[in-house]
Amino acid sequence: MADTKRALCYLFTIYASLPVILYLFPWILGHVIFAHLLRVPYFVDLGRPQDVLNHTCNFYLSTEDGVSVGVWHTLPSSQWEASAGKSSEWYHETLGDGSPVIIYLHGNVGTRATNHRVELVKILSAAGNHVLSLDYRGFGDSTGEPSEAGLTNDALYLYHWVKKRNRGLVCLWGHSLGSGVATNTAVKIQEQGSTVDALILEAPFTSIGEVVVNHPLTKMYIFLPGFESLLWNLLERNNIVFTSNKNLEKLTGPLLILHSEDDNIVPHHMGRELYQTSLLAQGKFNTDARVEMISYSANLGFSHNHIYLDPNLSDAIRIFLEKLRHWSPLMSRK
């Protein structure tokens, strides 16, 4: 009985100390959100993408002083046979072949070599797209420390780098945390006087704060007076907000949302809310940009990371992008 009481007392102490620890060390919440130190899979050499992904080259970009980010460039199917033994410069030149380019912005935890990310890239590549998979600063073998502003800057730098080399459509694809990076980046592009060619959001959230306060672990504490307010305050102190809902109120470019009804990390209703927000924005700004959403039944079991298992995904993406080939942001305002 005494051992049981000691064990219960120990567990209660751990439970009660978490809010105090977060208050004293607010940076911990940032590490939890990015989870960049969990560099799974651990035994993949990110400099050798061929170990997990064919017709792919690895290269690095200096997005700002002291920050070098790793990128995998996976070729479209039309370039597979010609790629054997080619240099990274040759890969860069192929970006000018007119095929769509998808910049893949992944979620937290892991690297560009994580299995569900690799499997998605294979599908997009086979569908005829160039795919650039970015590990933000602090993730994988990229240098620097992650922050919302930093991740956004890395994605924006890569977008402009691609635009200098590509004659076709460039799409930002953001999954989970990457959906927040993608909408931030799209807003920056629009503020610079342009419009992103296409935006695809997979399992997107309204804001990172809504995800944090609705997380299963958080709900263990949410009944404590002031705990929810503490979380919002800590997010602001860490300058981590990722407000995709507010971003989509401003964006006037094409959007496709993919979300599974059984998503246990980012609730499906957040994707629906973003879809409605974007529809209202297109009406407000009187544009004809395409806004679409694909919802996946909970019976399919795709949850948060496995939408790539949809056998029709390749066709859905191809059709969405093909419809945009003749769409021009300069002609979209009526």
C-alpha atoms as a PDB file:
ATOM      1  CA  MET A   1       0.000   0.000   0.000  1.00  0.00           C
ATOM      2  CA  ALA A   2       2.828   2.390   0.866  1.00  0.00           C
ATOM      3  CA  ASP A   3       4.511   1.703  -2.490  1.00  0.00           C
ATOM      4  CA  THR A   4       1.249   2.438  -4.290  1.00  0.00           C
ATOM      5  CA  LYS A   5       0.834   5.743  -2.463  1.00  0.00           C
ATOM      6  CA  ARG A   6       4.399   6.728  -3.279  1.00  0.00           C
ATOM      7  CA  ALA A   7       3.854   5.877  -6.939  1.00  0.00           C
ATOM      8  CA  LEU A   8       0.631   7.888  -7.071  1.00  0.00           C
ATOM      9  CA  CYS A   9       2.297  10.796  -5.325  1.00  0.00           C
ATOM     10  CA  TYR A  10       5.163  10.659  -7.807  1.00  0.00           C
ATOM     11  CA  LEU A  11       2.787  10.660 -10.793  1.00  0.00           C
ATOM     12  CA  PHE A  12       0.767  13.543  -9.356  1.00  0.00           C
ATOM     13  CA  THR A  13       3.942  15.559  -8.818  1.00  0.00           C
ATOM     14  CA  ILE A  14       4.958  15.059 -12.445  1.00  0.00           C
ATOM     15  CA  TYR A  15       1.452  15.981 -13.600  1.00  0.00           C
ATOM     16  CA  ALA A  16       1.250  19.113 -11.466  1.00  0.00           C
ATOM     17  CA  SER A  17       4.761  20.304 -12.314  1.00  0.00           C
ATOM     18  CA  LEU A  18       4.242  20.503 -16.094  1.00  0.00           C
ATOM     19  CA  PRO A  19       2.390  23.869 -16.136  1.00  0.00           C
ATOM     20  CA  VAL A  20       5.036  25.317 -13.815  1.00  0.00           C
ATOM     21  CA  ILE A  21       7.872  24.039 -16.010  1.00  0.00           C
ATOM     22  CA  LEU A  22       6.239  25.503 -19.125  1.00  0.00           C
ATOM     23  CA  TYR A  23       5.789  28.852 -17.401  1.00  0.00           C
ATOM     24  CA  LEU A  24       9.414  28.969 -16.261  1.00  0.00           C
ATOM     25  CA  PHE A  25      10.859  27.654 -19.531  1.00  0.00           C
ATOM     26  CA  PRO A  26       8.525  28.819 -22.342  1.00  0.00           C
ATOM     27  CA  TRP A  27      10.966  27.719 -25.056  1.00  0.00           C
ATOM     28  CA  ILE A  28      10.060  24.108 -24.255  1.00  0.00           C
ATOM     29  CA  LEU A  29       6.678  24.557 -25.941  1.00  0.00           C
ATOM     30  CA  GLY A  30       8.423  25.623 -29.128  1.00  0.00           C
ATOM     31  CA  HIS A  31      10.549  22.486 -29.088  1.00  0.00           C
ATOM     32  CA  VAL A  32       7.421  20.383 -28.568  1.00  0.00           C
ATOM     33  CA  ILE A  33       5.611  22.030 -31.490  1.00  0.00           C
ATOM     34  CA  PHE A  34       8.485  21.733 -33.958  1.00  0.00           C
ATOM     35  CA  ALA A  35       9.822  18.422 -32.547  1.00  0.00           C
ATOM     36  CA  HIS A  36      12.767  18.960 -34.885  1.00  0.00           C
ATOM     37  CA  LEU A  37      15.206  17.053 -32.691  1.00  0.00           C
ATOM     38  CA  LEU A  38      13.355  13.798 -33.477  1.00  0.00           C
ATOM     39  CA  ARG A  39      15.231  13.247 -36.728  1.00  0.00           C
ATOM     40  CA  VAL A  40      13.561  10.022 -37.760  1.00  0.00           C
ATOM     41  CA  PRO A  41      14.404   7.850 -39.587  1.00  0.00           C
ATOM     42  CA  TYR A  42      17.705   7.901 -37.697  1.00  0.00           C
ATOM     43  CA  PHE A  43      19.851   5.801 -40.011  1.00  0.00           C
ATOM     44  CA  VAL A  44      19.149   7.425 -43.381  1.00  0.00           C
ATOM     45  CA  ASP A  45      21.967   9.461 -44.924  1.00  0.00           C
ATOM     46  CA  LEU A  46      20.114  12.546 -46.153  1.00  0.00           C
ATOM     47  CA  GLY A  47      22.989  13.235 -48.528  1.00  0.00           C
ATOM     48  CA  ARG A  48      22.135   9.969 -50.317  1.00  0.00           C
ATOM     49  CA  PRO A  49      18.432  10.189 -51.256  1.00  0.00           C
ATOM     50  CA  GLN A  50      18.874   7.264 -53.635  1.00  0.00           C
ATOM     51  CA  ASP A  51      18.824   4.983 -50.591  1.00  0.00           C
ATOM     52  CA  VAL A  52      15.071   5.611 -50.225  1.00  0.00           C
ATOM     53  CA  LEU A  53      14.036   7.544 -53.349  1.00  0.00           C
ATOM     54  CA  ASN A  54      15.166   7.082 -56.952  1.00  0.00           C
ATOM     55  CA  HIS A  55      15.802   9.829 -59.566  1.00  0.00           C
ATOM     56  CA  THR A  56      16.431  12.309 -56.757  1.00  0.00           C
ATOM     57  CA  CYS A  57      19.372  14.596 -56.011  1.00  0.00           C
ATOM     58  CA  ASN A  58      20.294  16.305 -52.766  1.00  0.00           C
ATOM     59  CA  PHE A  59      21.462  19.901 -52.533  1.00  0.00           C
ATOM     60  CA  TYR A  60      21.668  22.767 -50.055  1.00  0.00           C
ATOM     61  CA  LEU A  61      20.606  26.415 -50.132  1.00  0.00           C
ATOM     62  CA  SER A  62      21.801  29.238 -47.905  1.00  0.00           C
ATOM     63  CA  THR A  63      18.529  30.954 -47.109  1.00  0.00           C
ATOM     64  CA  GLU A  64      20.238  33.541 -44.902  1.00  0.00           C
ATOM     65  CA  ASP A  65      23.582  34.043 -43.172  1.00  0.00           C
ATOM     66  CA  GLY A  66      24.410  30.991 -41.075  1.00  0.00           C
ATOM     67  CA  VAL A  67      21.458  28.928 -42.319  1.00  0.00           C
ATOM     68  CA  SER A  68      21.850  26.096 -44.814  1.00  0.00           C
ATOM     69  CA  VAL A  69      18.795  23.979 -45.643  1.00  0.00           C
ATOM     70  CA  GLY A  70      18.720  20.572 -47.266  1.00  0.00           C
ATOM     71  CA  VAL A  71      16.493  19.915 -50.275  1.00  0.00           C
ATOM     72  CA  TRP A  72      15.692  16.797 -52.306  1.00  0.00           C
ATOM     73  CA  HIS A  73      14.780  17.327 -55.959  1.00  0.00           C
ATOM     74  CA  THR A  74      12.781  14.410 -57.320  1.00  0.00           C
ATOM     75  CA  LEU A  75      12.252  14.392 -61.080  1.00  0.00           C
ATOM     76  CA  PRO A  76       8.978  13.897 -62.958  1.00  0.00           C
ATOM     77  CA  SER A  77       8.453  10.588 -64.750  1.00  0.00           C
ATOM     78  CA  SER A  78       9.496  12.054 -68.116  1.00  0.00           C
ATOM     79  CA  GLN A  79      13.034  12.602 -66.809  1.00  0.00           C
ATOM     80  CA  TRP A  80      13.627   9.319 -64.989  1.00  0.00           C
ATOM     81  CA  GLU A  81      15.571   7.475 -67.691  1.00  0.00           C
ATOM     82  CA  ALA A  82      17.805  10.440 -68.489  1.00  0.00           C
ATOM     83  CA  SER A  83      18.792  11.103 -64.878  1.00  0.00           C
ATOM     84  CA  ALA A  84      21.324   8.320 -64.330  1.00  0.00           C
ATOM     85  CA  GLY A  85      24.684   9.734 -63.277  1.00  0.00           C
ATOM     86  CA  LYS A  86      23.665  13.349 -63.780  1.00  0.00           C
ATOM     87  CA  SER A  87      24.896  16.223 -61.602  1.00  0.00           C
ATOM     88  CA  SER A  88      22.837  18.521 -59.419  1.00  0.00           C
ATOM     89  CA  GLU A  89      23.334  21.273 -62.037  1.00  0.00           C
ATOM     90  CA  TRP A  90      21.642  19.046 -64.615  1.00  0.00           C
ATOM     91  CA  TYR A  91      18.757  18.489 -62.190  1.00  0.00           C
ATOM     92  CA  HIS A  92      18.436  22.256 -61.703  1.00  0.00           C
ATOM     93  CA  GLU A  93      18.276  22.798 -65.468  1.00  0.00           C
ATOM     94  CA  THR A  94      15.372  20.360 -65.806  1.00  0.00           C
ATOM     95  CA  LEU A  95      13.234  22.737 -63.745  1.00  0.00           C
ATOM     96  CA  GLY A  96      12.884  24.718 -66.956  1.00  0.00           C
ATOM     97  CA  ASP A  97      11.161  21.893 -68.868  1.00  0.00           C
ATOM     98  CA  GLY A  98       7.684  23.299 -68.208  1.00  0.00           C
ATOM     99  CA  SER A  99       6.503  20.519 -65.889  1.00  0.00           C
ATOM    100  CA  PRO A 100       4.754  21.615 -62.678  1.00  0.00           C
ATOM    101  CA  VAL A 101       6.971  22.006 -59.621  1.00  0.00           C
ATOM    102  CA  ILE A 102       5.623  21.083 -56.190  1.00  0.00           C
ATOM    103  CA  ILE A 103       7.461  22.470 -53.174  1.00  0.00           C
ATOM    104  CA  TYR A 104       6.680  20.013 -50.388  1.00  0.00           C
ATOM    105  CA  LEU A 105       6.594  21.559 -46.907  1.00  0.00           C
ATOM    106  CA  HIS A 106       6.369  18.763 -44.358  1.00  0.00           C
ATOM    107  CA  GLY A 107       4.979  18.700 -40.832  1.00  0.00           C
ATOM    108  CA  ASN A 108       6.809  18.503 -37.534  1.00  0.00           C
ATOM    109  CA  VAL A 109       8.874  15.516 -36.374  1.00  0.00           C
ATOM    110  CA  GLY A 110      11.272  13.774 -38.693  1.00  0.00           C
ATOM    111  CA  THR A 111      12.936  14.724 -41.950  1.00  0.00           C
ATOM    112  CA  ARG A 112      12.393  14.685 -45.693  1.00  0.00           C
ATOM    113  CA  ALA A 113      13.208  10.970 -45.533  1.00  0.00           C
ATOM    114  CA  THR A 114      10.238  10.033 -43.309  1.00  0.00           C
ATOM    115  CA  ASN A 115       8.306   7.191 -44.934  1.00  0.00           C
ATOM    116  CA  HIS A 116       4.886   8.799 -45.534  1.00  0.00           C
ATOM    117  CA  ARG A 117       6.621  11.825 -47.067  1.00  0.00           C
ATOM    118  CA  VAL A 118       8.729   9.685 -49.375  1.00  0.00           C
ATOM    119  CA  GLU A 119       5.661   7.711 -50.473  1.00  0.00           C
ATOM    120  CA  LEU A 120       3.779  10.903 -51.317  1.00  0.00           C
ATOM    121  CA  VAL A 121       6.734  12.245 -53.299  1.00  0.00           C
ATOM    122  CA  LYS A 122       6.823   9.014 -55.327  1.00  0.00           C
ATOM    123  CA  ILE A 123       3.177   9.510 -56.296  1.00  0.00           C
ATOM    124  CA  LEU A 124       3.638  13.153 -57.239  1.00  0.00           C
ATOM    125  CA  SER A 125       6.763  12.353 -59.245  1.00  0.00           C
ATOM    126  CA  ALA A 126       5.082   9.525 -61.130  1.00  0.00           C
ATOM    127  CA  ALA A 127       2.273  11.942 -61.983  1.00  0.00           C
ATOM    128  CA  GLY A 128       4.737  14.124 -63.893  1.00  0.00           C
ATOM    129  CA  ASN A 129       5.752  16.730 -61.337  1.00  0.00           C
ATOM    130  CA  HIS A 130       9.098  17.954 -60.100  1.00  0.00           C
ATOM    131  CA  VAL A 131       9.031  17.692 -56.289  1.00  0.00           C
ATOM    132  CA  LEU A 132      11.326  19.695 -54.019  1.00  0.00           C
ATOM    133  CA  SER A 133      11.252  18.369 -50.448  1.00  0.00           C
ATOM    134  CA  LEU A 134      12.567  20.901 -47.957  1.00  0.00           C
ATOM    135  CA  ASP A 135      13.948  20.326 -44.483  1.00  0.00           C
ATOM    136  CA  TYR A 136      13.530  23.662 -42.741  1.00  0.00           C
ATOM    137  CA  ARG A 137      16.253  25.127 -40.548  1.00  0.00           C
ATOM    138  CA  GLY A 138      16.930  22.875 -37.569  1.00  0.00           C
ATOM    139  CA  PHE A 139      15.299  19.846 -39.238  1.00  0.00           C
ATOM    140  CA  GLY A 140      17.264  16.946 -40.658  1.00  0.00           C
ATOM    141  CA  ASP A 141      20.734  18.063 -41.737  1.00  0.00           C
ATOM    142  CA  SER A 142      19.738  21.729 -42.066  1.00  0.00           C
ATOM    143  CA  THR A 143      21.487  24.196 -39.802  1.00  0.00           C
ATOM    144  CA  GLY A 144      19.974  26.867 -37.579  1.00  0.00           C
ATOM    145  CA  GLU A 145      17.123  26.837 -35.072  1.00  0.00           C
ATOM    146  CA  PRO A 146      13.461  26.654 -36.083  1.00  0.00           C
ATOM    147  CA  SER A 147      11.036  29.533 -35.632  1.00  0.00           C
ATOM    148  CA  GLU A 148       7.856  30.474 -37.442  1.00  0.00           C
ATOM    149  CA  ALA A 149       9.552  33.386 -39.185  1.00  0.00           C
ATOM    150  CA  GLY A 150      12.571  31.218 -40.035  1.00  0.00           C
ATOM    151  CA  LEU A 151      10.559  28.355 -41.531  1.00  0.00           C
ATOM    152  CA  THR A 152       8.561  30.827 -43.598  1.00  0.00           C
ATOM    153  CA  ASN A 153      11.738  32.492 -44.842  1.00  0.00           C
ATOM    154  CA  ASP A 154      13.219  29.129 -45.875  1.00  0.00           C
ATOM    155  CA  ALA A 155      10.101  28.253 -47.903  1.00  0.00           C
ATOM    156  CA  LEU A 156       9.931  31.718 -49.470  1.00  0.00           C
ATOM    157  CA  TYR A 157      13.596  31.572 -50.493  1.00  0.00           C
ATOM    158  CA  LEU A 158      13.091  28.168 -52.140  1.00  0.00           C
ATOM    159  CA  TYR A 159       9.976  29.417 -53.959  1.00  0.00           C
ATOM    160  CA  HIS A 160      11.841  32.352 -55.496  1.00  0.00           C
ATOM    161  CA  TRP A 161      14.835  30.105 -56.275  1.00  0.00           C
ATOM    162  CA  VAL A 162      12.525  27.797 -58.235  1.00  0.00           C
ATOM    163  CA  LYS A 163      10.714  30.665 -59.969  1.00  0.00           C
ATOM    164  CA  LYS A 164      14.023  31.861 -61.445  1.00  0.00           C
ATOM    165  CA  ARG A 165      14.483  28.475 -63.136  1.00  0.00           C
ATOM    166  CA  ASN A 166      10.961  27.289 -63.943  1.00  0.00           C
ATOM    167  CA  ARG A 167       8.753  28.245 -66.893  1.00  0.00           C
ATOM    168  CA  GLY A 168       5.682  26.471 -65.566  1.00  0.00           C
ATOM    169  CA  LEU A 169       3.468  26.286 -62.540  1.00  0.00           C
ATOM    170  CA  VAL A 170       4.945  26.279 -59.018  1.00  0.00           C
ATOM    171  CA  CYS A 171       2.758  24.867 -56.239  1.00  0.00           C
ATOM    172  CA  LEU A 172       3.226  25.061 -52.473  1.00  0.00           C
ATOM    173  CA  TRP A 173       2.111  21.834 -50.779  1.00  0.00           C
ATOM    174  CA  GLY A 174       1.935  22.039 -46.993  1.00  0.00           C
ATOM    175  CA  HIS A 175       1.150  19.134 -44.694  1.00  0.00           C
ATOM    176  CA  SER A 176       0.121  19.722 -41.062  1.00  0.00           C
ATOM    177  CA  LEU A 177       2.664  22.198 -39.635  1.00  0.00           C
ATOM    178  CA  GLY A 178       3.759  22.749 -43.224  1.00  0.00           C
ATOM    179  CA  SER A 179       0.268  24.026 -44.058  1.00  0.00           C
ATOM    180  CA  GLY A 180       0.934  26.960 -41.745  1.00  0.00           C
ATOM    181  CA  VAL A 181       4.306  27.535 -43.406  1.00  0.00           C
ATOM    182  CA  ALA A 182       2.634  27.358 -46.833  1.00  0.00           C
ATOM    183  CA  THR A 183      -0.072  29.945 -46.087  1.00  0.00           C
ATOM    184  CA  ASN A 184       2.493  32.249 -44.448  1.00  0.00           C
ATOM    185  CA  THR A 185       4.651  31.964 -47.559  1.00  0.00           C
ATOM    186  CA  ALA A 186       1.717  32.566 -49.903  1.00  0.00           C
ATOM    187  CA  VAL A 187       0.866  35.761 -48.012  1.00  0.00           C
ATOM    188  CA  LYS A 188       4.491  36.942 -48.287  1.00  0.00           C
ATOM    189  CA  ILE A 189       4.429  36.275 -52.043  1.00  0.00           C
ATOM    190  CA  GLN A 190       1.201  38.233 -52.379  1.00  0.00           C
ATOM    191  CA  GLU A 191       2.616  41.108 -50.328  1.00  0.00           C
ATOM    192  CA  GLN A 192       5.514  41.205 -52.795  1.00  0.00           C
ATOM    193  CA  GLY A 193       3.073  41.867 -55.624  1.00  0.00           C
ATOM    194  CA  SER A 194       2.522  38.373 -56.996  1.00  0.00           C
ATOM    195  CA  THR A 195       0.182  35.439 -56.358  1.00  0.00           C
ATOM    196  CA  VAL A 196       1.223  31.878 -55.664  1.00  0.00           C
ATOM    197  CA  ASP A 197       0.384  29.657 -58.656  1.00  0.00           C
ATOM    198  CA  ALA A 198      -1.274  27.005 -56.504  1.00  0.00           C
ATOM    199  CA  LEU A 199      -1.638  26.097 -52.845  1.00  0.00           C
ATOM    200  CA  ILE A 200      -2.397  22.569 -51.654  1.00  0.00           C
ATOM    201  CA  LEU A 201      -2.998  22.058 -47.936  1.00  0.00           C
ATOM    202  CA  GLU A 202      -3.004  18.545 -46.504  1.00  0.00           C
ATOM    203  CA  ALA A 203      -4.485  18.133 -43.007  1.00  0.00           C
ATOM    204  CA  PRO A 204      -4.361  21.904 -42.407  1.00  0.00           C
ATOM    205  CA  PHE A 205      -5.195  23.713 -39.173  1.00  0.00           C
ATOM    206  CA  THR A 206      -6.867  27.053 -38.537  1.00  0.00           C
ATOM    207  CA  SER A 207      -4.126  28.190 -36.150  1.00  0.00           C
ATOM    208  CA  ILE A 208      -1.423  26.408 -34.205  1.00  0.00           C
ATOM    209  CA  GLY A 209      -2.996  27.556 -30.943  1.00  0.00           C
ATOM    210  CA  GLU A 210      -6.228  25.730 -31.775  1.00  0.00           C
ATOM    211  CA  VAL A 211      -4.244  22.549 -32.396  1.00  0.00           C
ATOM    212  CA  VAL A 212      -2.317  22.867 -29.146  1.00  0.00           C
ATOM    213  CA  VAL A 213      -5.362  23.467 -26.920  1.00  0.00           C
ATOM    214  CA  ASN A 214      -7.252  20.602 -28.589  1.00  0.00           C
ATOM    215  CA  HIS A 215      -4.408  18.087 -28.412  1.00  0.00           C
ATOM    216  CA  PRO A 216      -5.254  14.934 -26.394  1.00  0.00           C
ATOM    217  CA  LEU A 217      -2.375  15.576 -23.975  1.00  0.00           C
ATOM    218  CA  THR A 218      -3.462  19.169 -23.420  1.00  0.00           C
ATOM    219  CA  LYS A 219      -6.995  18.088 -22.569  1.00  0.00           C
ATOM    220  CA  MET A 220      -5.595  16.401 -19.466  1.00  0.00           C
ATOM    221  CA  TYR A 221      -4.884  19.882 -18.118  1.00  0.00           C
ATOM    222  CA  ILE A 222      -7.445  22.086 -19.805  1.00  0.00           C
ATOM    223  CA  PHE A 223      -9.797  22.052 -16.803  1.00  0.00           C
ATOM    224  CA  LEU A 224      -7.124  23.735 -14.655  1.00  0.00           C
ATOM    225  CA  PRO A 225      -7.942  27.437 -14.184  1.00  0.00           C
ATOM    226  CA  GLY A 226      -5.810  29.597 -16.434  1.00  0.00           C
ATOM    227  CA  PHE A 227      -4.055  26.720 -18.228  1.00  0.00           C
ATOM    228  CA  GLU A 228      -5.515  27.480 -21.661  1.00  0.00           C
ATOM    229  CA  SER A 229      -4.629  31.158 -21.264  1.00  0.00           C
ATOM    230  CA  LEU A 230      -1.102  30.113 -20.286  1.00  0.00           C
ATOM    231  CA  LEU A 231      -0.726  28.149 -23.519  1.00  0.00           C
ATOM    232  CA  TRP A 232      -1.877  31.052 -25.682  1.00  0.00           C
ATOM    233  CA  ASN A 233       0.461  33.366 -23.815  1.00  0.00           C
ATOM    234  CA  LEU A 234       3.402  31.003 -24.278  1.00  0.00           C
ATOM    235  CA  LEU A 235       2.726  30.737 -28.009  1.00  0.00           C
ATOM    236  CA  GLU A 236       2.794  34.521 -28.305  1.00  0.00           C
ATOM    237  CA  ARG A 237       5.991  34.711 -26.262  1.00  0.00           C
ATOM    238  CA  ASN A 238       7.553  32.172 -28.611  1.00  0.00           C
ATOM    239  CA  ASN A 239       6.237  34.076 -31.662  1.00  0.00           C
ATOM    240  CA  ILE A 240       4.530  30.907 -32.887  1.00  0.00           C
ATOM    241  CA  VAL A 241       1.018  31.586 -34.191  1.00  0.00           C
ATOM    242  CA  PHE A 242       0.667  30.099 -37.727  1.00  0.00           C
ATOM    243  CA  THR A 243      -2.750  31.657 -38.320  1.00  0.00           C
ATOM    244  CA  SER A 244      -3.805  30.027 -41.584  1.00  0.00           C
ATOM    245  CA  ASN A 245      -7.391  31.170 -40.991  1.00  0.00           C
ATOM    246  CA  LYS A 246      -6.307  34.817 -41.089  1.00  0.00           C
ATOM    247  CA  ASN A 247      -3.944  34.153 -43.996  1.00  0.00           C
ATOM    248  CA  LEU A 248      -6.689  32.682 -46.161  1.00  0.00           C
ATOM    249  CA  GLU A 249      -8.808  35.771 -45.568  1.00  0.00           C
ATOM    250  CA  LYS A 250      -6.202  37.629 -47.665  1.00  0.00           C
ATOM    251  CA  LEU A 251      -5.187  35.086 -50.293  1.00  0.00           C
ATOM    252  CA  THR A 252      -6.615  35.235 -53.802  1.00  0.00           C
ATOM    253  CA  GLY A 253      -4.873  32.267 -55.434  1.00  0.00           C
ATOM    254  CA  PRO A 254      -6.058  28.722 -56.236  1.00  0.00           C
ATOM    255  CA  LEU A 255      -6.437  26.382 -53.271  1.00  0.00           C
ATOM    256  CA  LEU A 256      -7.000  22.658 -52.783  1.00  0.00           C
ATOM    257  CA  ILE A 257      -7.555  21.216 -49.293  1.00  0.00           C
ATOM    258  CA  LEU A 258      -7.130  17.518 -48.488  1.00  0.00           C
ATOM    259  CA  HIS A 259      -8.378  16.319 -45.101  1.00  0.00           C
ATOM    260  CA  SER A 260      -9.421  13.012 -43.580  1.00  0.00           C
ATOM    261  CA  GLU A 261     -12.448  12.845 -41.303  1.00  0.00           C
ATOM    262  CA  ASP A 262     -10.584  10.564 -38.873  1.00  0.00           C
ATOM    263  CA  ASP A 263      -7.591  12.887 -38.476  1.00  0.00           C
ATOM    264  CA  ASN A 264      -6.619  12.487 -34.813  1.00  0.00           C
ATOM    265  CA  ILE A 265      -4.111  15.360 -34.770  1.00  0.00           C
ATOM    266  CA  VAL A 266      -5.797  18.172 -36.698  1.00  0.00           C
ATOM    267  CA  PRO A 267      -9.601  17.859 -36.561  1.00  0.00           C
ATOM    268  CA  HIS A 268     -11.356  17.661 -39.911  1.00  0.00           C
ATOM    269  CA  HIS A 269     -13.584  20.631 -39.064  1.00  0.00           C
ATOM    270  CA  MET A 270     -10.510  22.891 -39.268  1.00  0.00           C
ATOM    271  CA  GLY A 271     -10.061  21.993 -42.935  1.00  0.00           C
ATOM    272  CA  ARG A 272     -13.750  22.716 -43.564  1.00  0.00           C
ATOM    273  CA  GLU A 273     -13.430  26.074 -41.825  1.00  0.00           C
ATOM    274  CA  LEU A 274     -10.436  27.023 -43.968  1.00  0.00           C
ATOM    275  CA  TYR A 275     -12.327  26.000 -47.102  1.00  0.00           C
ATOM    276  CA  GLN A 276     -15.243  28.263 -46.198  1.00  0.00           C
ATOM    277  CA  THR A 277     -12.860  31.085 -45.302  1.00  0.00           C
ATOM    278  CA  SER A 278     -11.201  30.864 -48.709  1.00  0.00           C
ATOM    279  CA  LEU A 279     -14.531  30.812 -50.554  1.00  0.00           C
ATOM    280  CA  LEU A 280     -15.555  33.992 -48.732  1.00  0.00           C
ATOM    281  CA  ALA A 281     -12.222  35.607 -49.615  1.00  0.00           C
ATOM    282  CA  GLN A 282     -12.639  34.851 -53.321  1.00  0.00           C
ATOM    283  CA  GLY A 283     -16.077  36.453 -53.177  1.00  0.00           C
ATOM    284  CA  LYS A 284     -14.782  39.459 -51.270  1.00  0.00           C
ATOM    285  CA  PHE A 285     -11.977  40.099 -53.752  1.00  0.00           C
ATOM    286  CA  ASN A 286     -14.140  39.094 -56.747  1.00  0.00           C
ATOM    287  CA  THR A 287     -11.704  36.533 -58.167  1.00  0.00           C
ATOM    288  CA  ASP A 288     -12.236  33.355 -60.148  1.00  0.00           C
ATOM    289  CA  ALA A 289      -9.465  31.355 -58.445  1.00  0.00           C
ATOM    290  CA  ARG A 290     -10.369  27.712 -57.935  1.00  0.00           C
ATOM    291  CA  VAL A 291     -11.077  26.667 -54.353  1.00  0.00           C
ATOM    292  CA  GLU A 292     -11.681  22.962 -53.778  1.00  0.00           C
ATOM    293  CA  MET A 293     -11.711  20.492 -50.910  1.00  0.00           C
ATOM    294  CA  ILE A 294     -11.482  16.711 -50.873  1.00  0.00           C
ATOM    295  CA  SER A 295     -12.685  15.041 -47.670  1.00  0.00           C
ATOM    296  CA  TYR A 296     -11.835  11.418 -46.969  1.00  0.00           C
ATOM    297  CA  SER A 297     -14.229   9.171 -45.097  1.00  0.00           C
ATOM    298  CA  ALA A 298     -13.123   7.966 -41.674  1.00  0.00           C
ATOM    299  CA  ASN A 299     -13.735   4.410 -42.921  1.00  0.00           C
ATOM    300  CA  LEU A 300     -10.654   4.710 -45.134  1.00  0.00           C
ATOM    301  CA  GLY A 301      -8.407   5.109 -42.094  1.00  0.00           C
ATOM    302  CA  PHE A 302      -6.103   7.708 -43.660  1.00  0.00           C
ATOM    303  CA  SER A 303      -5.963   9.704 -40.412  1.00  0.00           C
ATOM    304  CA  HIS A 304      -3.280  12.412 -40.330  1.00  0.00           C
ATOM    305  CA  ASN A 305      -0.392  11.032 -42.386  1.00  0.00           C
ATOM    306  CA  HIS A 306      -1.749   8.571 -44.909  1.00  0.00           C
ATOM    307  CA  ILE A 307      -3.776  10.434 -47.511  1.00  0.00           C
ATOM    308  CA  TYR A 308      -1.117   9.303 -49.991  1.00  0.00           C
ATOM    309  CA  LEU A 309      -2.854   5.878 -49.834  1.00  0.00           C
ATOM    310  CA  ASP A 310      -5.773   7.278 -51.846  1.00  0.00           C
ATOM    311  CA  PRO A 311      -5.500   5.489 -55.223  1.00  0.00           C
ATOM    312  CA  ASN A 312      -7.123   8.482 -56.918  1.00  0.00           C
ATOM    313  CA  LEU A 313      -4.795  11.099 -55.421  1.00  0.00           C
ATOM    314  CA  SER A 314      -2.529  11.287 -58.460  1.00  0.00           C
ATOM    315  CA  ASP A 315      -5.458  11.983 -60.794  1.00  0.00           C
ATOM    316  CA  ALA A 316      -6.984  14.520 -58.405  1.00  0.00           C
ATOM    317  CA  ILE A 317      -3.749  16.516 -58.238  1.00  0.00           C
ATOM    318  CA  ARG A 318      -3.166  16.270 -61.991  1.00  0.00           C
ATOM    319  CA  ILE A 319      -6.684  17.531 -62.774  1.00  0.00           C
ATOM    320  CA  PHE A 320      -6.433  20.380 -60.257  1.00  0.00           C
ATOM    321  CA  LEU A 321      -3.093  21.570 -61.630  1.00  0.00           C
ATOM    322  CA  GLU A 322      -4.102  21.169 -65.266  1.00  0.00           C
ATOM    323  CA  LYS A 323      -7.125  23.413 -64.706  1.00  0.00           C
ATOM    324  CA  LEU A 324      -4.718  26.118 -63.565  1.00  0.00           C
ATOM    325  CA  ARG A 325      -2.483  26.108 -66.633  1.00  0.00           C
ATOM    326  CA  HIS A 326      -4.490  28.843 -68.320  1.00  0.00           C
ATOM    327  CA  TRP A 327      -5.506  30.657 -65.147  1.00  0.00           C
ATOM    328  CA  SER A 328      -3.794  33.989 -64.587  1.00  0.00           C
ATOM    329  CA  PRO A 329      -3.912  35.965 -61.330  1.00  0.00           C
ATOM    330  CA  LEU A 330      -3.728  39.129 -63.419  1.00  0.00           C
ATOM    331  CA  MET A 331      -6.970  38.169 -65.194  1.00  0.00           C
ATOM    332  CA  SER A 332      -8.803  36.754 -62.171  1.00  0.00           C
ATOM    333  CA  ARG A 333     -10.194  40.016 -60.853  1.00  0.00           C
ATOM    334  CA  LYS A 334     -13.454  40.892 -62.511  1.00  0.00           C
END
